[in-house]
Amino acid sequence: MTNSFKIKILFGLSALILIFFLSLNFFNKEKITPIENEAIVEETDTTTNIIKDVSYSSSDAKGNEYVLNANEGQIDLNNDKVIFLDGVKATIIMASGEIINIQSKFGKYNINNYDTIFSENVLIEYEDNKIKGNYVDFSLNRNSLIISKNVVYLNQKNLLRADAVEINISTKDTKIFMYEEGKKVKIKSN
C-alpha cells in the first residue's frame, strides 16, 4: 500500500466518522425539541389569570343599574367573555329606586350580556324579603331572577320552602313552585 492510498483511506474513514457523529447530533436534537416544546405548552396552559377585587357595572335602557363585586375572579380559558368569581356581592338598583342585594360564595359572570350565575350560600334581600338558596340565575335581558335548590323565602308574614322562586325584577311578580307535581310548597305564617 502506498502512502497516498493510506491517506485516502484515512481521510475516507475520518469523513465517515464525522458524518456519523453529525447525524447522531442531528437526530438527538430532533428528539429533544418536541419534549422542550411540550414543556412550554404545559407552562402556557397552566398559567392562572386571577384578578383580585373584581368590579363590574352596567345599566339597561330602562335605567336599571347592575353592580357586581367579587373578592377574586378568574377568566375562563375556553371563553374569555366568562369570569368565575369568589366572594360575590351584587346590587341591582332599579330605576324606581328599589334595591336588590345578592351575595354568594361563587359566581359566573358573562361580560357580554351581564347574565350571572350565583352559587352556594346565596342570599337575596329586597324590601323586607330575604331569599336563601344554593343557585340563582340572574338575567338583566330576561329581567328575572330564578332561585333554586333548597329555597327559603322569608318576610315579615311568611316563611316558605320551595324548589324554585322566579322573580320579575321590574314588576316584582313572584312565582313559587315545586318541580315534582305531587309535592307542595311549605308555608308557615309568622
Protein backbone atom coordinates (compact mmCIF):
# COMPACT_ATOMS: atom_id res chain seq x y z
CA MET A 1 0.00 0.00 0.00
CA THR A 2 1.25 3.40 -0.88
CA ASN A 3 1.16 6.42 1.35
CA SER A 4 -1.34 8.24 -0.86
CA PHE A 5 -3.71 5.28 -0.73
CA LYS A 6 -3.36 5.14 3.10
CA ILE A 7 -4.13 8.87 3.29
CA LYS A 8 -7.22 8.42 1.09
CA ILE A 9 -8.47 5.57 3.32
CA LEU A 10 -7.73 7.58 6.48
CA PHE A 11 -9.47 10.62 5.00
CA GLY A 12 -12.49 8.48 3.95
CA LEU A 13 -12.76 6.89 7.42
CA SER A 14 -12.45 10.30 9.08
CA ALA A 15 -15.22 11.63 6.84
CA LEU A 16 -17.47 8.65 7.69
CA ILE A 17 -16.81 9.07 11.41
CA LEU A 18 -17.53 12.81 11.17
CA ILE A 19 -20.76 12.17 9.23
CA PHE A 20 -21.75 9.54 11.79
CA PHE A 21 -21.29 11.92 14.76
CA LEU A 22 -23.01 14.80 12.97
CA SER A 23 -26.00 12.59 12.15
CA LEU A 24 -26.18 11.40 15.77
CA ASN A 25 -26.12 15.00 16.95
CA PHE A 26 -28.78 15.98 14.37
CA PHE A 27 -31.16 13.14 15.31
CA ASN A 28 -30.69 13.79 19.04
CA LYS A 29 -31.69 17.41 18.55
CA GLU A 30 -34.88 16.32 16.76
CA LYS A 31 -35.76 14.03 19.65
CA ILE A 32 -35.18 16.74 22.28
CA THR A 33 -37.04 19.54 20.50
CA PRO A 34 -40.60 18.11 20.81
CA ILE A 35 -40.10 17.49 24.54
CA GLU A 36 -38.97 21.09 25.06
CA ASN A 37 -41.95 22.39 23.06
CA GLU A 38 -44.32 20.22 25.10
CA ALA A 39 -42.98 21.70 28.32
CA ILE A 40 -43.57 25.20 27.01
CA VAL A 41 -47.17 24.34 26.07
CA GLU A 42 -47.79 22.90 29.52
CA GLU A 43 -46.49 26.06 31.17
CA THR A 44 -48.77 28.22 29.00
CA ASP A 45 -51.87 26.08 29.70
CA THR A 46 -51.38 26.02 33.47
CA THR A 47 -50.84 29.74 33.98
CA THR A 48 -53.51 31.38 36.07
CA ASN A 49 -55.36 34.56 35.26
CA ILE A 50 -56.64 35.57 38.68
CA ILE A 51 -57.96 39.07 39.17
CA LYS A 52 -58.29 40.47 42.71
CA ASP A 53 -61.10 42.84 43.75
CA VAL A 54 -63.27 42.46 40.66
CA SER A 55 -65.90 45.10 39.94
CA TYR A 56 -68.32 45.44 37.02
CA SER A 57 -71.24 47.78 36.47
CA SER A 58 -73.81 48.09 33.74
CA SER A 59 -77.24 49.55 33.08
CA ASP A 60 -80.12 48.79 30.78
CA ALA A 61 -82.26 51.04 28.58
CA LYS A 62 -84.88 51.34 31.37
CA GLY A 63 -82.37 52.95 33.74
CA ASN A 64 -81.81 49.91 35.98
CA GLU A 65 -78.22 49.55 37.19
CA TYR A 66 -76.32 46.38 37.99
CA VAL A 67 -73.16 46.48 40.09
CA LEU A 68 -71.14 43.31 40.69
CA ASN A 69 -68.19 42.98 43.08
CA ALA A 70 -66.12 39.93 43.98
CA ASN A 71 -63.04 39.21 46.04
CA GLU A 72 -61.49 37.35 43.16
CA GLY A 73 -62.16 36.43 39.54
CA GLN A 74 -60.65 34.04 37.03
CA ILE A 75 -61.20 34.31 33.28
CA ASP A 76 -62.43 31.10 31.64
CA LEU A 77 -59.61 29.80 29.40
CA ASN A 78 -62.17 28.44 26.91
CA ASN A 79 -64.30 31.61 26.74
CA ASP A 80 -62.70 34.94 27.64
CA LYS A 81 -66.17 36.54 27.99
CA VAL A 82 -66.88 34.44 31.13
CA ILE A 83 -65.38 35.09 34.54
CA PHE A 84 -65.59 32.71 37.51
CA LEU A 85 -65.95 34.63 40.78
CA ASP A 86 -65.34 34.05 44.52
CA GLY A 87 -66.94 36.08 47.32
CA VAL A 88 -69.64 37.70 45.20
CA LYS A 89 -71.83 40.70 46.09
CA ALA A 90 -74.18 42.29 43.60
CA THR A 91 -76.60 45.19 43.75
CA ILE A 92 -79.47 45.84 41.35
CA ILE A 93 -80.63 49.44 41.58
CA MET A 94 -83.99 49.79 39.90
CA ALA A 95 -84.94 53.00 38.07
CA SER A 96 -87.74 53.32 40.66
CA GLY A 97 -85.12 53.46 43.44
CA GLU A 98 -85.69 49.94 44.80
CA ILE A 99 -82.53 47.98 45.62
CA ILE A 100 -81.97 44.23 45.38
CA ASN A 101 -78.82 42.87 47.07
CA ILE A 102 -77.40 39.44 46.23
CA GLN A 103 -74.44 37.68 47.76
CA SER A 104 -72.96 34.22 47.27
CA LYS A 105 -69.82 32.20 47.70
CA PHE A 106 -69.27 31.71 43.95
CA GLY A 107 -70.44 33.24 40.68
CA LYS A 108 -70.12 33.01 36.92
CA TYR A 109 -70.41 36.32 35.06
CA ASN A 110 -70.80 36.87 31.31
CA ILE A 111 -69.33 40.25 30.35
CA ASN A 112 -71.27 40.36 27.04
CA ASN A 113 -74.84 40.07 28.34
CA TYR A 114 -74.28 40.57 32.13
CA ASP A 115 -76.01 37.25 32.92
CA THR A 116 -74.77 35.95 36.24
CA ILE A 117 -75.00 32.60 37.98
CA PHE A 118 -74.67 32.78 41.77
CA SER A 119 -74.00 29.55 43.65
CA GLU A 120 -73.54 28.29 47.22
CA ASN A 121 -74.98 30.15 50.19
CA VAL A 122 -76.92 32.64 48.07
CA LEU A 123 -78.79 35.39 49.92
CA ILE A 124 -81.11 37.83 48.16
CA GLU A 125 -82.51 40.82 50.04
CA TYR A 126 -85.05 43.27 48.71
CA GLU A 127 -87.55 45.42 50.58
CA ASP A 128 -88.42 43.30 53.66
CA ASN A 129 -87.86 39.97 51.88
CA LYS A 130 -84.97 37.53 52.22
CA ILE A 131 -84.50 34.56 49.95
CA LYS A 132 -81.87 31.91 50.55
CA GLY A 133 -80.90 29.20 48.09
CA ASN A 134 -77.94 27.45 46.54
CA TYR A 135 -78.34 28.57 42.92
CA VAL A 136 -79.52 31.79 41.27
CA ASP A 137 -79.74 32.54 37.57
CA PHE A 138 -79.91 36.32 37.03
CA SER A 139 -80.52 37.91 33.64
CA LEU A 140 -80.82 41.63 33.05
CA ASN A 141 -82.06 40.91 29.48
CA ARG A 142 -84.75 38.49 30.71
CA ASN A 143 -85.43 40.83 33.62
CA SER A 144 -85.56 37.90 36.04
CA LEU A 145 -84.04 36.11 38.98
CA ILE A 146 -84.58 32.36 39.21
CA ILE A 147 -83.65 30.94 42.60
CA SER A 148 -83.45 27.18 43.10
CA LYS A 149 -82.07 24.37 45.28
CA ASN A 150 -83.15 24.49 48.93
CA VAL A 151 -85.05 27.76 48.62
CA VAL A 152 -86.23 29.52 51.79
CA TYR A 153 -88.30 32.69 51.27
CA LEU A 154 -88.77 34.80 54.38
CA ASN A 155 -90.64 38.04 55.01
CA GLN A 156 -92.47 39.56 57.99
CA LYS A 157 -95.59 37.46 57.34
CA ASN A 158 -94.42 34.11 55.97
CA LEU A 159 -91.70 31.50 55.77
CA LEU A 160 -91.84 29.44 52.56
CA ARG A 161 -89.82 26.42 51.47
CA ALA A 162 -89.86 25.53 47.79
CA ASP A 163 -87.82 24.08 44.95
CA ALA A 164 -87.74 27.34 43.00
CA VAL A 165 -88.72 31.00 43.06
CA GLU A 166 -88.87 33.14 39.94
CA ILE A 167 -88.98 36.93 40.28
CA ASN A 168 -89.56 39.53 37.59
CA ILE A 169 -87.19 42.24 38.83
CA SER A 170 -89.21 45.11 37.34
CA THR A 171 -92.70 44.17 38.46
CA LYS A 172 -91.72 42.00 41.50
CA ASP A 173 -94.20 39.38 40.25
CA THR A 174 -93.10 36.21 42.00
CA LYS A 175 -93.76 32.56 41.18
CA ILE A 176 -93.04 29.99 43.88
CA PHE A 177 -93.20 26.33 42.85
CA MET A 178 -92.05 22.75 43.26
CA TYR A 179 -90.58 20.71 40.43
CA GLU A 180 -92.42 17.49 41.23
CA GLU A 181 -96.17 17.52 40.68
CA GLY A 182 -97.08 15.75 43.93
CA LYS A 183 -95.01 17.99 46.19
CA LYS A 184 -96.32 21.22 47.65
CA VAL A 185 -94.72 24.48 48.73
CA LYS A 186 -94.39 24.55 52.52
CA ILE A 187 -95.75 27.75 54.08
CA LYS A 188 -95.50 28.80 57.70
CA SER A 189 -97.17 32.05 58.80
CA ASN A 190 -95.45 34.16 61.44
